[in-house]
Protein backbone atom coordinates (compact mmCIF):
# COMPACT_ATOMS: atom_id res chain seq x y z
CA MET A 1 0.22 31.23 -12.43
CA SER A 2 2.48 28.20 -12.53
CA ALA A 3 2.47 25.35 -14.92
CA THR A 4 2.01 21.70 -13.87
CA VAL A 5 4.52 18.99 -15.27
CA ARG A 6 3.07 15.54 -15.01
CA ILE A 7 5.41 12.95 -14.82
CA THR A 8 3.29 9.95 -14.42
CA ARG A 9 -0.12 9.31 -13.53
CA ASP A 10 0.53 9.78 -9.59
CA ILE A 11 3.47 12.18 -9.91
CA ALA A 12 3.23 15.93 -11.08
CA ILE A 13 5.67 18.35 -10.09
CA ASP A 14 4.77 22.32 -9.82
CA ASP A 15 7.24 24.66 -11.94
CA ASP A 16 7.46 26.69 -8.81
CA ASP A 17 9.44 23.67 -7.10
CA ILE A 18 12.14 23.86 -10.07
CA GLU A 19 14.84 26.46 -9.10
CA ILE A 20 17.05 27.22 -12.34
CA GLY A 21 20.21 29.41 -11.99
CA PHE A 22 22.70 30.34 -15.08
CA VAL A 23 26.29 30.03 -14.34
CA ARG A 24 29.65 30.31 -16.68
CA ALA A 25 29.84 26.98 -18.62
CA SER A 26 33.51 25.21 -18.67
CA GLY A 27 35.02 24.24 -22.02
CA PRO A 28 35.60 25.06 -25.62
CA GLY A 29 33.86 28.40 -26.71
CA GLY A 30 36.25 31.07 -27.06
CA GLN A 31 36.04 34.49 -25.77
CA ASN A 32 32.09 34.06 -25.44
CA VAL A 33 32.57 31.60 -22.67
CA ASN A 34 34.26 34.14 -20.10
CA LYS A 35 31.31 36.55 -20.93
CA LEU A 36 28.26 34.70 -20.85
CA ALA A 37 26.57 32.32 -18.02
CA THR A 38 24.84 29.71 -20.24
CA ALA A 39 25.17 26.88 -18.21
CA ALA A 40 22.00 25.97 -16.39
CA GLN A 41 21.90 24.62 -12.31
CA LEU A 42 18.71 22.90 -11.41
CA ARG A 43 17.69 22.57 -7.89
CA PHE A 44 14.69 20.73 -7.12
CA ASP A 45 13.81 19.52 -3.72
CA THR A 46 12.05 16.15 -3.58
CA ARG A 47 10.87 16.24 -0.13
CA ARG A 48 7.71 18.61 -1.92
CA LEU A 49 6.49 15.32 -3.56
CA THR A 50 4.97 12.86 -1.93
CA LEU A 51 6.47 9.35 -3.57
CA ALA A 52 6.15 6.06 -2.53
CA PRO A 53 9.21 4.49 -0.33
CA ASP A 54 10.04 2.35 -3.10
CA VAL A 55 10.11 5.13 -5.65
CA ALA A 56 11.84 7.42 -3.38
CA THR A 57 14.74 4.97 -2.67
CA ARG A 58 15.18 4.25 -6.55
CA LEU A 59 15.54 8.00 -6.96
CA ALA A 60 17.82 8.19 -4.68
CA SER A 61 20.15 5.28 -6.28
CA LEU A 62 19.45 6.52 -10.13
CA ALA A 63 20.34 10.33 -8.87
CA GLY A 64 23.69 9.24 -6.87
CA GLN A 65 26.09 12.05 -6.37
CA ARG A 66 23.47 14.49 -7.95
CA MET A 67 21.23 14.32 -4.87
CA THR A 68 22.35 15.98 -1.69
CA ARG A 69 21.63 14.53 1.97
CA ASP A 70 19.09 17.09 2.16
CA GLY A 71 16.95 15.34 -0.56
CA VAL A 72 17.79 18.09 -3.37
CA ILE A 73 18.65 16.94 -6.77
CA VAL A 74 21.31 19.26 -8.57
CA ILE A 75 21.46 19.06 -12.38
CA HIS A 76 24.24 20.92 -14.46
CA ALA A 77 23.71 21.10 -18.05
CA GLN A 78 26.05 22.96 -20.46
CA ARG A 79 25.24 21.20 -23.66
CA PHE A 80 23.98 23.98 -25.51
CA ARG A 81 25.49 27.67 -26.10
CA THR A 82 22.05 29.18 -25.05
CA GLN A 83 20.42 29.41 -21.92
CA GLU A 84 17.03 28.57 -23.29
CA ARG A 85 18.18 24.97 -24.52
CA ASN A 86 20.07 23.99 -21.44
CA ARG A 87 17.07 25.42 -19.16
CA ALA A 88 15.00 22.88 -21.12
CA ASP A 89 17.45 20.05 -21.53
CA ALA A 90 18.39 20.40 -17.60
CA ILE A 91 14.31 19.88 -16.99
CA ASP A 92 14.11 17.09 -19.84
CA ARG A 93 17.00 15.24 -17.65
CA LEU A 94 14.91 16.12 -14.20
CA ILE A 95 11.77 14.45 -15.77
CA ASP A 96 13.51 11.50 -17.34
CA LEU A 97 15.39 10.86 -13.99
CA LEU A 98 11.78 11.02 -12.08
CA ARG A 99 10.21 8.73 -14.95
CA LYS A 100 12.98 6.11 -14.53
CA ALA A 101 12.53 5.91 -10.58
CA ALA A 102 8.87 5.61 -10.80
CA ILE A 103 9.18 2.19 -12.85
CA ARG A 104 9.11 -0.86 -10.99
CA PRO A 105 11.79 -3.38 -11.88
CA THR A 106 10.11 -6.79 -12.74
CA PRO A 107 11.35 -9.34 -10.09
CA ARG A 108 13.69 -12.03 -11.24
CA ARG A 109 12.29 -15.25 -11.07
CA PRO A 110 14.88 -18.41 -10.22
CA THR A 111 14.88 -21.09 -12.57
CA ARG A 112 16.66 -24.20 -12.71
CA PRO A 113 18.95 -25.95 -15.24
CA THR A 114 17.16 -28.25 -17.36
CA LEU A 115 18.47 -32.03 -16.98
CA GLY A 116 19.25 -31.88 -20.75
CA SER A 117 21.63 -28.55 -20.21
CA LYS A 118 23.38 -30.66 -17.03
CA GLN A 119 23.77 -33.97 -18.91
CA ARG A 120 25.84 -31.58 -21.99
CA ARG A 121 27.88 -29.70 -19.44
CA LEU A 122 29.03 -32.83 -17.73
CA GLU A 123 29.82 -34.48 -21.02
CA GLY A 124 31.81 -31.38 -22.20
CA LYS A 125 33.70 -31.31 -19.18
CA LYS A 126 34.11 -34.98 -19.71
CA ARG A 127 35.69 -34.52 -23.03
CA ARG A 128 38.05 -31.53 -22.10
CA SER A 129 39.20 -34.02 -19.40
CA ASP A 130 40.07 -36.64 -21.73
CA VAL A 131 41.65 -34.08 -23.90
CA LYS A 132 43.99 -32.68 -20.91
CA ALA A 133 44.60 -36.29 -19.77
CA LYS A 134 46.54 -37.59 -23.10
CA ARG A 135 48.61 -34.45 -22.89
CA GLY A 136 50.74 -36.30 -20.59
CA ALA A 137 53.96 -38.43 -21.23
CA ALA A 138 53.38 -41.87 -22.48
CA ARG A 139 53.64 -44.20 -19.58
CA TYR A 140 54.75 -47.93 -20.61
CA ASP A 141 53.61 -50.87 -18.23
CA ASP A 142 56.44 -53.33 -17.39
């Protein structure tokens, strides 16, 4: 029996849809790093989910290079020294990625500068212009 992981109210993924393999981790770890495969490599096919088109495009942009052309998200977790912790870390990162993609960004409302801010800006420009104009050599009128 497989467990279901609820991402949002509308999105839930099945544990069977997540494939996790273990490979040798790079980086420090002494001789142990050459013997044990502790780095987790998570593969998740996004085509198994029914996502809204806007969520799917946000997910593709957030995943970036972690998503293949086929729509498979590949997450490589090697932060920890044990398989269990790296497996949990990879699943947490996948869930976090899906949650971020599900959030709709608030649209920007264009605003206009106030009359006071326009006047202050122009006064500052005038002041600066006067300072720079007075730097020139003094002219004598005949």
